[in-house]
Protein backbone atom coordinates (compact mmCIF):
# COMPACT_ATOMS: atom_id res chain seq x y z
CA MET A 1 26.88 15.98 -33.82
CA SER A 2 24.56 16.68 -37.25
CA ARG A 3 25.73 16.71 -40.84
CA ALA A 4 25.10 20.22 -40.95
CA SER A 5 26.98 21.29 -38.25
CA GLN A 6 29.91 19.30 -39.17
CA ASP A 7 29.62 21.39 -42.48
CA LEU A 8 29.45 24.57 -40.48
CA PHE A 9 32.50 23.56 -38.14
CA SER A 10 34.36 22.56 -41.69
CA LEU A 11 33.43 26.05 -43.25
CA ARG A 12 34.27 28.46 -40.59
CA HIS A 13 37.49 26.01 -39.70
CA GLU A 14 38.72 26.78 -43.35
CA LEU A 15 37.68 30.58 -43.18
CA VAL A 16 40.30 30.75 -40.45
CA ARG A 17 43.27 29.01 -41.93
CA TYR A 18 42.97 31.18 -44.78
CA ALA A 19 42.45 34.72 -42.87
CA THR A 20 45.64 32.98 -41.08
CA ALA A 21 47.38 32.79 -44.21
CA HIS A 22 46.47 35.71 -46.56
CA GLY A 23 44.62 38.00 -44.49
CA ILE A 24 40.95 39.35 -43.35
CA ARG A 25 40.67 41.10 -46.87
CA ALA A 26 41.32 38.40 -48.55
CA ALA A 27 39.48 35.76 -46.60
CA MET A 28 36.14 38.20 -46.96
CA ARG A 29 36.52 37.99 -51.10
CA GLN A 30 36.58 34.36 -50.94
CA PHE A 31 34.24 32.87 -48.99
CA GLY A 32 31.85 35.81 -49.91
CA CYS A 33 30.83 37.08 -46.21
CA ALA A 34 31.60 40.43 -44.30
CA ARG A 35 34.67 41.70 -42.88
CA ASN A 36 33.50 41.81 -39.08
CA THR A 37 32.58 37.48 -39.63
CA VAL A 38 36.10 36.48 -40.39
CA ARG A 39 37.01 39.08 -37.69
CA LEU A 40 34.64 37.75 -34.80
CA TRP A 41 35.51 33.97 -35.90
CA LEU A 42 39.29 34.82 -35.90
CA ARG A 43 39.21 36.81 -32.60
CA ARG A 44 37.30 33.56 -31.07
CA TRP A 45 40.00 31.07 -32.71
CA GLN A 46 43.35 33.13 -31.32
CA ASP A 47 41.52 33.48 -27.83
CA GLY A 48 41.26 29.77 -27.68
CA ASP A 49 37.61 28.90 -28.87
CA ASP A 50 38.29 25.98 -31.36
CA SER A 51 35.03 24.89 -31.15
CA PHE A 52 33.49 27.41 -33.89
CA GLN A 53 30.03 26.71 -32.12
CA ASN A 54 27.04 29.89 -31.71
CA HIS A 55 27.43 31.58 -28.29
CA SER A 56 24.32 32.01 -26.72
CA ARG A 57 22.47 35.29 -27.27
CA ARG A 58 20.84 35.49 -23.62
CA PRO A 59 21.58 38.90 -22.42
CA HIS A 60 23.79 38.85 -19.32
CA HIS A 61 21.82 40.80 -17.23
CA GLN A 62 17.80 40.17 -17.18
CA PRO A 63 15.65 42.78 -14.88
CA ALA A 64 12.82 40.44 -14.87
CA CYS A 65 14.16 37.31 -13.98
CA THR A 66 12.59 35.13 -11.11
CA PRO A 67 15.06 35.95 -7.99
CA PRO A 68 16.27 33.06 -6.69
CA LYS A 69 14.76 33.21 -3.32
CA ILE A 70 11.52 33.14 -4.77
CA GLU A 71 12.69 29.94 -7.12
CA GLN A 72 13.60 28.35 -4.03
CA ALA A 73 10.04 28.75 -2.45
CA VAL A 74 8.87 27.43 -5.23
CA VAL A 75 10.84 24.63 -5.43
CA ALA A 76 10.46 23.99 -1.79
CA ALA A 77 6.30 24.08 -2.03
CA ARG A 78 6.47 21.97 -4.93
CA LYS A 79 8.38 18.79 -2.55
CA LYS A 80 5.97 19.92 -0.16
CA ALA A 81 2.82 19.14 -1.90
CA PRO A 82 4.18 17.13 -5.19
CA CYS A 83 0.63 16.54 -6.00
CA PHE A 84 0.08 20.37 -6.68
CA GLY A 85 1.00 21.81 -10.14
CA ALA A 86 2.04 25.24 -11.04
CA ARG A 87 -1.13 26.76 -11.24
CA ARG A 88 -2.59 25.42 -7.78
CA LEU A 89 0.98 25.69 -5.79
CA VAL A 90 0.63 29.50 -6.50
CA ASP A 91 -2.63 29.57 -5.34
CA MET A 92 -2.79 27.55 -2.31
CA PHE A 93 1.03 28.69 -1.40
CA VAL A 94 0.34 32.84 -2.37
CA LEU A 95 3.88 32.55 -4.42
CA PRO A 96 4.77 35.96 -5.33
CA VAL A 97 5.12 34.53 -9.35
CA GLY A 98 3.07 33.79 -12.04
CA LYS A 99 1.73 30.45 -13.06
CA GLY A 100 3.94 30.34 -16.58
CA ALA A 101 7.14 31.49 -14.33
CA ALA A 102 6.16 28.72 -11.87
CA HIS A 103 5.52 25.87 -14.38
CA ARG A 104 8.96 26.90 -16.61
CA ILE A 105 10.75 26.75 -12.37
CA LEU A 106 9.79 23.16 -11.75
CA ARG A 107 10.26 22.40 -15.64
CA ASP A 108 14.17 23.03 -14.92
CA HIS A 109 14.37 21.97 -11.80
CA GLN A 110 12.64 18.49 -13.52
CA LEU A 111 10.04 18.51 -11.08
CA THR A 112 7.16 17.93 -13.80
CA ARG A 113 4.79 14.86 -14.11
CA ARG A 114 4.79 13.59 -17.91
CA ARG A 115 0.79 14.37 -18.53
CA GLN A 116 -0.88 10.83 -19.33
CA ARG A 117 -1.74 10.24 -22.69
CA LYS A 118 -5.45 9.79 -23.39
CA HIS A 119 -5.84 7.24 -26.07
CA LYS A 120 -9.92 8.40 -26.48
CA ARG A 121 -11.42 11.81 -26.03
CA LYS A 122 -14.15 11.44 -23.57
CA ALA A 123 -17.59 13.02 -24.04
CA ASP A 124 -17.32 17.04 -22.13
CA LEU A 125 -20.35 16.48 -19.75
CA ARG A 126 -19.26 20.08 -17.72
CA LYS A 127 -21.86 22.24 -19.07
CA ILE A 128 -25.07 19.84 -18.76
CA LYS A 129 -23.45 18.94 -15.10
CA ALA A 130 -22.94 22.84 -14.02
CA ALA A 131 -27.06 23.05 -15.25
CA HIS A 132 -28.10 20.80 -12.33
CA ALA A 133 -29.43 22.35 -8.94
CA PRO A 134 -26.69 21.72 -6.19
CA LEU A 135 -26.92 18.24 -4.37
CA THR A 136 -29.40 17.02 -6.26
CA HIS A 137 -27.19 14.72 -8.47
CA LEU A 138 -24.72 12.48 -6.76
CA GLN A 139 -22.48 9.90 -7.83
CA MET A 140 -21.28 7.16 -5.34
CA ASP A 141 -18.55 4.89 -5.36
CA THR A 142 -15.95 2.66 -3.11
CA LYS A 143 -12.33 3.09 -3.25
CA TYR A 144 -10.27 0.24 -2.07
CA LEU A 145 -7.45 1.74 0.06
CA ASN A 146 -5.36 -1.44 0.64
CA ASP A 147 -3.52 -1.07 -2.63
CA ILE A 148 -1.84 2.68 -1.45
CA PRO A 149 1.71 1.97 -0.72
CA HIS A 150 2.14 4.86 2.03
CA TYR A 151 -1.34 3.44 3.31
CA TRP A 152 -1.10 0.03 3.79
CA PRO A 153 1.46 -0.44 6.07
CA GLN A 154 -0.33 2.16 8.78
CA MET A 155 -3.71 0.48 8.04
CA GLN A 156 -2.16 -2.95 8.88
CA ALA A 157 -0.40 -1.82 12.00
CA GLN A 158 -3.04 -0.01 13.65
CA GLY A 159 -6.53 -1.37 12.27
CA LEU A 160 -7.49 1.84 10.10
CA PRO A 161 -10.39 1.09 7.64
CA ARG A 162 -9.75 -0.71 4.24
CA PHE A 163 -12.42 0.80 1.83
CA GLN A 164 -14.00 4.11 1.19
CA TYR A 165 -17.71 5.23 0.63
CA THR A 166 -17.67 8.01 -1.64
CA ILE A 167 -20.44 10.47 -2.76
CA ARG A 168 -20.31 13.31 -4.96
CA ASP A 169 -22.25 16.46 -6.20
CA GLU A 170 -22.25 16.56 -10.11
CA ALA A 171 -22.98 20.20 -9.91
CA THR A 172 -20.72 21.79 -6.83
CA GLY A 173 -17.87 18.63 -6.77
CA ALA A 174 -19.08 19.00 -2.62
CA LEU A 175 -17.56 15.66 -1.70
CA PHE A 176 -18.83 13.73 1.26
CA VAL A 177 -16.91 10.26 2.58
CA SER A 178 -17.27 7.48 5.00
CA TYR A 179 -14.94 4.63 5.83
CA SER A 180 -15.30 0.94 6.81
CA SER A 181 -12.81 -2.35 7.30
CA GLU A 182 -15.51 -4.06 4.73
CA LEU A 183 -16.93 -3.63 1.16
CA SER A 184 -20.77 -4.89 1.41
CA LYS A 185 -24.47 -3.51 0.73
CA THR A 186 -25.21 -2.83 5.03
CA CYS A 187 -21.88 0.00 4.58
CA ALA A 188 -23.34 1.16 1.17
CA THR A 189 -26.59 1.90 2.31
CA LEU A 190 -25.98 3.34 6.03
CA ALA A 191 -23.51 6.18 4.01
CA LEU A 192 -26.09 7.40 1.82
CA SER A 193 -29.07 7.30 3.84
CA ARG A 194 -26.90 9.26 6.60
CA LEU A 195 -26.07 11.89 3.56
CA LEU A 196 -29.70 12.21 2.41
CA ASP A 197 -30.90 12.39 6.48
CA HIS A 198 -28.25 15.32 6.43
CA LEU A 199 -29.87 17.25 3.40
CA LYS A 200 -33.38 16.90 4.38
CA ALA A 201 -32.24 18.24 7.70
CA HIS A 202 -30.97 21.08 6.13
CA GLY A 203 -34.36 21.70 3.80
CA LEU A 204 -33.42 19.49 0.79
CA ASP A 205 -36.68 17.47 -0.74
CA PRO A 206 -34.81 13.60 -1.23
CA SER A 207 -37.12 12.90 -4.10
CA LEU A 208 -35.00 15.83 -6.18
CA VAL A 209 -31.95 13.64 -5.83
CA GLU A 210 -30.88 11.62 -8.01
CA VAL A 211 -28.02 8.84 -7.21
CA ARG A 212 -26.11 7.09 -9.94
CA THR A 213 -23.78 3.80 -9.26
CA ASP A 214 -21.80 1.53 -10.97
CA LEU A 215 -23.28 -2.08 -11.09
CA GLY A 216 -21.41 -3.06 -8.21
CA SER A 217 -22.68 -5.76 -5.61
CA GLU A 218 -22.72 -3.06 -2.52
CA PHE A 219 -25.06 -1.04 -4.91
CA ASP A 220 -27.46 -4.23 -5.40
CA GLY A 221 -25.99 -4.56 -9.33
CA ASP A 222 -25.90 -8.20 -9.27
CA THR A 223 -29.37 -8.09 -7.26
CA VAL A 224 -32.55 -9.70 -9.52
CA HIS A 225 -35.34 -9.22 -6.78
CA TYR A 226 -34.53 -6.00 -4.82
CA ARG A 227 -35.07 -6.08 -1.19
CA PRO A 228 -36.48 -3.42 1.00
CA ASP A 229 -33.65 -3.55 3.10
CA GLY A 230 -30.88 -3.48 0.43
CA PHE A 231 -29.46 -0.29 -0.68
CA HIS A 232 -31.75 0.12 -3.74
CA GLY A 233 -34.61 -0.44 -1.69
CA SER A 234 -33.57 1.54 0.78
CA LEU A 235 -32.74 4.53 -1.39
CA LEU A 236 -36.43 4.03 -3.35
CA ALA A 237 -37.78 4.35 0.18
CA SER A 238 -36.23 7.70 1.13
CA GLY A 239 -37.75 9.31 -1.80
CA ALA A 240 -34.80 9.43 -3.85
CA ARG A 241 -34.01 7.84 -7.18
CA HIS A 242 -31.60 5.19 -8.31
CA ARG A 243 -29.91 5.00 -11.60
CA PHE A 244 -27.38 2.00 -12.85
CA ASN A 245 -24.26 3.38 -15.18
CA PRO A 246 -24.36 1.39 -18.10
CA PRO A 247 -21.70 -1.57 -18.24
CA ALA A 248 -18.06 -0.49 -19.17
CA ARG A 249 -18.73 3.49 -18.80
CA PRO A 250 -16.08 5.11 -16.20
CA ASN A 251 -17.16 8.10 -18.26
CA ALA A 252 -20.22 8.28 -16.52
CA ASN A 253 -19.07 8.44 -13.10
CA ALA A 254 -16.25 10.32 -13.67
CA ASP A 255 -16.79 13.19 -11.18
CA VAL A 256 -16.43 10.57 -8.63
CA GLU A 257 -13.85 8.63 -10.04
CA SER A 258 -11.40 11.43 -10.57
CA SER A 259 -12.08 12.74 -6.62
CA HIS A 260 -10.36 9.02 -5.83
CA ALA A 261 -6.84 9.95 -7.67
CA THR A 262 -7.18 13.38 -6.11
CA ILE A 263 -7.65 11.82 -2.40
CA GLU A 264 -4.58 9.24 -2.99
CA ALA A 265 -2.08 11.91 -4.12
CA GLU A 266 -3.10 14.69 -2.02
CA PHE A 267 -4.32 12.65 1.03
CA PHE A 268 -3.38 9.13 1.67
CA ASP A 269 0.21 9.27 -0.09
CA LEU A 270 1.50 12.14 1.82
CA GLU A 271 -0.15 12.00 5.58
CA THR A 272 0.99 9.71 8.35
CA PHE A 273 -1.70 8.79 11.09
CA HIS A 274 -1.11 7.76 14.61
CA GLY A 275 -4.62 5.88 15.75
CA THR A 276 -8.34 5.55 14.17
CA ARG A 277 -8.91 9.43 16.07
CA HIS A 278 -5.84 11.15 14.32
CA PHE A 279 -7.19 9.26 10.74
CA LEU A 280 -10.67 10.76 11.28
CA ALA A 281 -9.59 14.16 12.61
CA SER A 282 -7.47 14.47 9.55
CA VAL A 283 -9.63 13.19 6.66
CA THR A 284 -12.12 15.62 8.07
CA THR A 285 -9.78 18.44 7.58
CA TYR A 286 -9.28 17.50 3.81
CA GLN A 287 -13.20 16.99 3.39
CA HIS A 288 -13.61 20.63 4.64
CA PHE A 289 -10.83 21.68 2.84
CA PHE A 290 -12.06 19.84 -0.55
CA ASN A 291 -14.96 21.73 -0.16
CA PHE A 292 -14.23 25.27 1.01
CA ALA A 293 -11.01 26.09 -0.09
CA ARG A 294 -9.69 23.93 -3.38
CA LYS A 295 -10.47 25.15 -6.20
CA ASN A 296 -11.96 23.32 -9.05
CA ARG A 297 -10.53 24.27 -12.61
CA SER A 298 -13.03 22.15 -14.57
CA ARG A 299 -15.74 24.50 -12.93
CA SER A 300 -14.53 28.18 -13.59
CA ASP A 301 -11.98 28.04 -10.83
CA GLN A 302 -14.32 27.86 -7.91
CA THR A 303 -15.15 25.85 -4.89
CA PRO A 304 -17.75 23.56 -3.99
CA ALA A 305 -18.89 26.38 -1.27
CA GLN A 306 -18.57 29.00 -3.89
CA LEU A 307 -20.53 27.24 -6.35
CA LEU A 308 -23.29 26.63 -4.23
CA ALA A 309 -23.58 30.48 -2.84
CA HIS A 310 -23.92 31.34 -6.14
CA ASN A 311 -26.72 28.87 -7.43
CA ALA A 312 -28.50 27.93 -4.11
CA PRO A 313 -28.05 30.74 -2.38
CA HIS A 314 -31.27 29.51 -0.23
CA LEU A 315 -28.95 26.32 1.28
CA ASP A 316 -26.99 26.84 4.59
CA PRO A 317 -23.19 26.50 3.46
CA ARG A 318 -23.21 24.47 6.90
CA ILE A 319 -24.61 21.53 4.19
CA LEU A 320 -21.52 20.85 3.05
CA LEU A 321 -19.67 20.57 6.73
CA LEU A 322 -21.42 16.62 7.03
CA PRO A 323 -18.06 14.98 9.00
CA PRO A 324 -16.36 11.67 7.63
CA LEU A 325 -17.71 8.63 9.59
CA LEU A 326 -16.32 4.80 10.48
CA LEU A 327 -19.68 3.12 9.39
CA ASP A 328 -18.14 -0.18 11.64
CA PRO A 329 -19.57 0.82 14.96
CA LEU A 330 -23.05 1.12 13.24
CA MET A 331 -22.82 -2.25 12.32
CA GLY A 332 -20.83 -3.82 15.55
CA GLN A 333 -17.73 -4.17 13.80
CA ASP A 334 -15.85 -1.24 15.32
CA LEU A 335 -12.07 -2.46 15.57
CA SER A 336 -11.20 -0.52 18.40
CA ARG A 337 -13.65 -2.09 20.66
CA PRO A 338 -16.23 -4.95 20.91
CA PRO A 339 -19.48 -4.78 18.44
CA GLY A 340 -22.45 -3.66 20.17
CA LYS A 341 -20.36 -2.53 23.09
CA GLN A 342 -20.17 1.15 23.98
CA ALA A 343 -16.97 3.07 25.49
CA GLY A 344 -15.43 1.22 28.47
CA GLU A 345 -17.84 -1.64 28.28
CA LYS A 346 -16.35 -5.13 27.97
CA ALA A 347 -17.33 -8.31 25.83
CA ARG A 348 -17.55 -11.38 27.87
CA ARG A 349 -14.91 -13.21 25.56
CA LEU A 350 -12.40 -12.43 22.83
CA LYS A 351 -11.00 -15.33 20.59
CA LEU A 352 -7.61 -14.94 18.96
CA GLY A 353 -6.64 -17.31 16.20
CA ILE A 354 -2.97 -16.74 15.47
CA ASP A 355 -0.63 -18.28 12.31
CA VAL A 356 2.76 -17.88 13.56
CA HIS A 357 5.59 -17.67 11.34
CA TRP A 358 8.91 -16.04 12.28
CA ALA A 359 8.79 -12.72 11.22
CA GLN A 360 4.91 -12.15 11.52
CA TYR A 361 2.07 -13.37 13.13
CA VAL A 362 -1.58 -13.48 11.21
CA VAL A 363 -4.41 -12.65 13.77
CA VAL A 364 -8.01 -13.22 13.36
CA ALA A 365 -10.14 -11.97 16.25
CA GLN A 366 -13.48 -12.75 17.48
CA TYR A 367 -15.83 -11.20 20.10
CA ASP A 368 -18.64 -13.41 21.80
CA ASP A 369 -20.47 -14.74 19.01
CA ALA A 370 -20.09 -12.03 16.57
CA SER A 371 -18.71 -12.38 13.03
CA PRO A 372 -14.62 -12.79 13.29
CA ARG A 373 -12.68 -9.81 12.25
CA PRO A 374 -10.12 -9.51 8.94
CA ALA A 375 -7.42 -10.85 9.49
CA ARG A 376 -4.43 -8.71 10.35
CA ARG A 377 -0.59 -8.93 10.30
CA PHE A 378 1.69 -7.90 13.14
CA THR A 379 5.25 -8.26 13.78
CA PRO A 380 6.07 -10.30 17.30
CA GLU A 381 6.82 -6.95 19.27
CA SER A 382 3.84 -5.09 17.90
CA PHE A 383 1.38 -8.17 18.34
CA VAL A 384 2.64 -8.14 22.13
CA GLU A 385 1.41 -4.58 22.62
CA TRP A 386 -2.00 -4.75 20.64
CA VAL A 387 -2.42 -7.81 22.92
CA LYS A 388 -1.95 -5.85 25.79
CA ALA A 389 -4.41 -3.06 24.27
CA ARG A 390 -7.14 -5.61 23.88
CA LEU A 391 -7.18 -6.75 27.21
CA GLY A 392 -9.40 -3.88 28.08
CA ASP A 393 -11.80 -5.10 25.35
CA ALA A 394 -12.95 -8.08 27.31
CA GLN A 395 -13.59 -9.94 30.33
CA GLU A 396 -11.51 -13.05 29.45
CA VAL A 397 -8.99 -13.41 26.26
CA ASN A 398 -8.31 -16.73 24.94
CA SER A 399 -6.17 -17.41 21.51
CA CYS A 400 -4.66 -20.88 19.95
CA TYR A 401 -1.71 -21.54 17.66
CA GLU A 402 -0.58 -24.64 16.07
CA ALA A 403 2.70 -25.77 17.63
CA GLY A 404 5.79 -25.49 14.87
CA ALA A 405 9.49 -25.05 15.18
CA PHE A 406 9.43 -21.93 17.04
CA ASP A 407 8.98 -23.76 20.47
CA TYR A 408 6.61 -22.58 23.33
CA VAL A 409 7.69 -18.28 23.90
CA LEU A 410 4.53 -17.12 22.81
CA HIS A 411 2.75 -19.35 24.93
CA ARG A 412 4.56 -18.03 27.66
CA ARG A 413 4.04 -14.46 26.49
CA GLN A 414 0.50 -14.81 26.43
CA GLU A 415 0.34 -16.48 29.97
CA ALA A 416 2.65 -13.41 31.21
CA LEU A 417 0.02 -11.04 30.07
CA GLY A 418 -2.97 -12.89 31.17
CA VAL A 419 -4.11 -14.33 28.12
CA ARG A 420 -5.59 -17.95 28.02
CA ASN A 421 -3.34 -19.36 25.18
CA MET A 422 -3.74 -23.13 23.93
CA VAL A 423 -0.75 -24.64 21.72
CA VAL A 424 -2.86 -27.43 19.38
CA ARG A 425 -1.50 -29.88 16.89
CA PRO A 426 -1.20 -29.01 13.61
CA ARG A 427 -3.26 -30.08 10.77
CA ASN A 428 -4.54 -29.53 7.62
CA TRP A 429 -7.36 -27.02 7.85
CA ASP A 430 -8.94 -27.47 4.05
CA GLN A 431 -11.73 -29.51 5.24
CA TYR A 432 -13.52 -29.56 2.01
CA GLY A 433 -10.30 -29.75 0.02
CA LYS A 434 -10.63 -26.56 -1.66
CA LYS A 435 -6.89 -26.55 -2.38
CA VAL A 436 -6.15 -23.04 -1.35
CA LYS A 437 -4.20 -22.87 2.10
CA THR A 438 -2.84 -19.26 2.85
CA ASP A 439 -2.27 -17.52 6.04
CA GLN A 440 -5.19 -15.78 6.69
CA ARG A 441 -7.46 -19.16 5.88
CA ASP A 442 -5.49 -20.51 8.60
CA ALA A 443 -5.75 -17.99 11.02
CA LEU A 444 -9.49 -18.06 9.95
CA ALA A 445 -9.88 -21.63 10.96
CA LEU A 446 -7.93 -21.67 14.19
CA CYS A 447 -10.57 -18.60 15.34
CA GLY A 448 -13.41 -20.72 14.07
CA MET A 449 -11.90 -23.44 16.03
CA LEU A 450 -11.43 -22.07 19.09
CA ASP A 451 -14.89 -20.58 19.24
CA ARG A 452 -16.40 -24.42 18.87
CA TYR A 453 -13.55 -25.64 21.77
CA LEU A 454 -14.68 -22.90 24.52
CA ALA A 455 -18.52 -23.44 23.26
CA GLY A 456 -18.09 -27.23 24.71
CA ASN A 457 -16.72 -29.60 21.66
CA THR A 458 -13.63 -30.43 22.96
CA GLU A 459 -13.10 -32.38 19.70
CA THR A 460 -12.18 -29.90 17.45
CA LEU A 461 -8.95 -28.93 18.94
CA CYS A 462 -6.29 -31.74 20.14
CA VAL A 463 -4.53 -29.42 22.63
CA ILE A 464 -0.66 -30.04 23.75
CA ARG A 465 0.60 -30.14 27.21
CA VAL A 466 3.40 -27.00 27.36
CA PRO A 467 6.46 -28.00 29.53
CA SER A 468 7.91 -26.17 32.03
CA GLU A 469 11.37 -24.62 31.06
CA SER A 470 13.32 -27.20 32.90
CA GLU A 471 11.46 -29.96 31.20
CA GLU A 472 11.98 -28.27 27.48
CA ARG A 473 15.51 -27.72 28.73
CA SER A 474 16.36 -31.77 29.48
CA ARG A 475 14.04 -32.85 27.03
CA GLY A 476 15.81 -30.67 24.05
CA GLN A 477 18.77 -32.09 25.14
CA THR A 478 17.81 -35.43 24.84
CA ARG A 479 16.56 -34.42 21.29
CA GLN A 480 19.27 -33.10 20.04
CA ARG A 481 21.55 -36.14 21.32
CA ASP A 482 19.35 -38.31 19.30
CA SER A 483 19.13 -36.19 16.07
CA LEU A 484 23.17 -36.18 16.24
CA VAL A 485 23.14 -40.15 16.82
CA SER A 486 20.70 -40.61 13.64
CA ASP A 487 23.27 -38.10 11.78
CA ARG A 488 26.08 -40.38 12.65
CA GLY A 489 24.30 -43.36 11.79
CA ARG A 490 23.57 -41.95 8.16
CA MET A 491 27.22 -41.30 7.89
CA SER A 492 28.38 -44.19 8.80
CA ASN A 493 26.30 -45.93 6.19
CA ARG A 494 27.35 -43.56 3.46
CA GLY A 495 30.97 -44.88 4.49
CA LEU A 496 29.88 -48.32 3.92
CA SER A 497 28.51 -47.54 0.48
CA THR A 498 31.23 -45.31 -0.43
CA ALA A 499 33.51 -48.65 0.56
CA ARG A 500 31.51 -51.01 -1.29
CA TYR A 501 31.79 -48.64 -4.35
CA TYR A 502 35.53 -49.43 -4.44
CA GLY A 503 34.87 -53.32 -3.65
CA TYR A 504 35.63 -53.36 -0.02
CA ASP A 505 33.56 -54.21 2.86
CA LEU A 506 33.61 -53.11 6.51
CA PRO A 507 31.88 -55.05 9.85
CA LYS A 508 27.77 -55.13 9.74
CA ASP A 509 28.32 -53.52 13.18
CA GLY A 510 28.33 -49.90 12.46
CA GLY A 511 29.74 -49.46 15.89
CA GLY A 512 33.46 -48.54 15.28
CA ARG A 513 33.16 -48.54 11.24
CA TRP A 514 34.76 -44.46 11.11
CA ARG A 515 38.02 -46.30 13.24
CA SER A 516 41.23 -46.12 11.34
CA SER A 517 42.01 -50.17 12.94
CA VAL A 518 38.76 -51.30 11.10
CA TRP A 519 39.20 -49.68 7.90
CA ARG A 520 43.32 -51.08 8.00
CA ARG A 521 41.68 -54.84 8.79
CA SER A 522 39.39 -54.59 6.62
CA CYS A 523 40.50 -52.24 3.50
CA PRO A 524 44.27 -52.82 3.65
CA ASN A 525 44.79 -51.54 0.13
CA THR A 526 42.67 -48.34 0.69
CA PHE A 527 45.23 -46.26 2.07
CA THR A 528 47.78 -46.78 -1.17
CA ARG A 529 44.69 -45.54 -3.10
CA PRO A 530 44.67 -41.72 -3.24
CA TRP A 531 40.98 -41.68 -4.18
CA PRO A 532 39.21 -43.88 -1.50
CA ALA A 533 41.77 -42.63 1.49
CA GLY A 534 40.68 -39.20 0.94
CA THR A 535 37.16 -40.33 0.84
CA ARG A 536 37.62 -42.71 4.00
CA SER A 537 39.17 -39.41 6.12
CA CYS A 538 36.77 -36.88 4.84
CA TRP A 539 33.77 -39.65 6.40
CA ARG A 540 35.86 -40.74 9.22
CA SER A 541 36.20 -37.29 10.90
CA THR A 542 33.06 -35.70 10.11
CA ILE A 543 31.57 -38.95 12.01
CA LYS A 544 34.23 -38.58 14.96
CA SER A 545 33.30 -35.22 15.09
CA ARG A 546 29.59 -36.05 15.14
CA HIS A 547 30.37 -38.61 17.76
């Protein structure tokens, strides 16, 4: 309670006490207030309200108040699309409530997000961009998808793309996306060339197009001598212009950068996928929603399709229907089938390098003579299902992993599926002394050595003979007994060390040092001394239990 509130409480308390003792009229004269004021606080005090706080002036009946049913609809819409604010919730869900009322409901239910503070005001280029002709000034960038918590487990389990190649128009805000499993100059070139060919097919001259990118290596940002087949050379060969953004100027690519935040919140954080086909269908639906239904407040609250129809009525609206595409098949790196093969066509050989752990397997795959695929992580159960699905991709499947503490269970599972598996001798795979050891590097090295081994160089791997299950059980019992005997010898030596610590000696032959008769002959006074006796009993009982 503040000091002002304390003073007000004391004043009202003295007023009530004085009115009780001397009457209402005397209290009115004494405190210089109206008669109704004295009656108000006296009546509240007599009714049991001794807090002396002001009551709310809110009316008991509000005809214009939002009904609870509509309020629940606003809350449900917000929980369904947490990425939408009050304005977009009203527009997208057609809620019968104003934007201000919707914001108040979200605030009352603590469903609003605190707006991030901007430490530096950015230059407003909206008017300049709006003056451009539609689809003539494009911004391009790449988005990493492996840092999205909701999408990353699905990407690992289902082999979904790791990178998004985004192209966005400055004038209309239209969005075009492509996907790949690698970040490369080739993928960026394919994504842009596909869009330029699409624009040309709809009557847009590529010489009018200017593409802005950052200085990333995938956009030839670090290239000194441009090649005709590189990103920059291919772009100029098509007739378009290429412009690099200045270093450390993210606002120069603000449109495409903001679309990355939008698509992450509205798509990747909400959707659950069931394979590559479902991913492509979902992202195609979202791109069409973005271009034809999603209003952009920074562009007069209009959709890209509306802006295109207004500013370029001669262009067919179907120019915005270019669907997203996986770029890996165009490069021979499709994760769902062998490289360079059509659907139903098999590769000659699939090679798998497996780094085995108890809870997960890290796997690198290589089809024939193509480049190895990026490493993927599986649980033991999901790996078996993945291998079953890959059996139809190649005429022969080979795999290898290092022998270790987990026996030959994985080998027998692989053989039962029809996979030719090899268990190899463990070794240090860091051939060049880089002092970097990761599961991905080990799996890649195993896959590379397996490729050389199958090509005829049998010195690359030391293959271990896998025993039968009966041989393994017999050998396991012998090894376990030898281990226990070794443990007994170590404990016996510790008992000898303990006895000599207290000045006694035991026979050099450790065969029966733990027996009571040996201790009585060698250490007759040990049983009368409490600490050595307790130590001797502890070691003797432990060793006998091991024997």
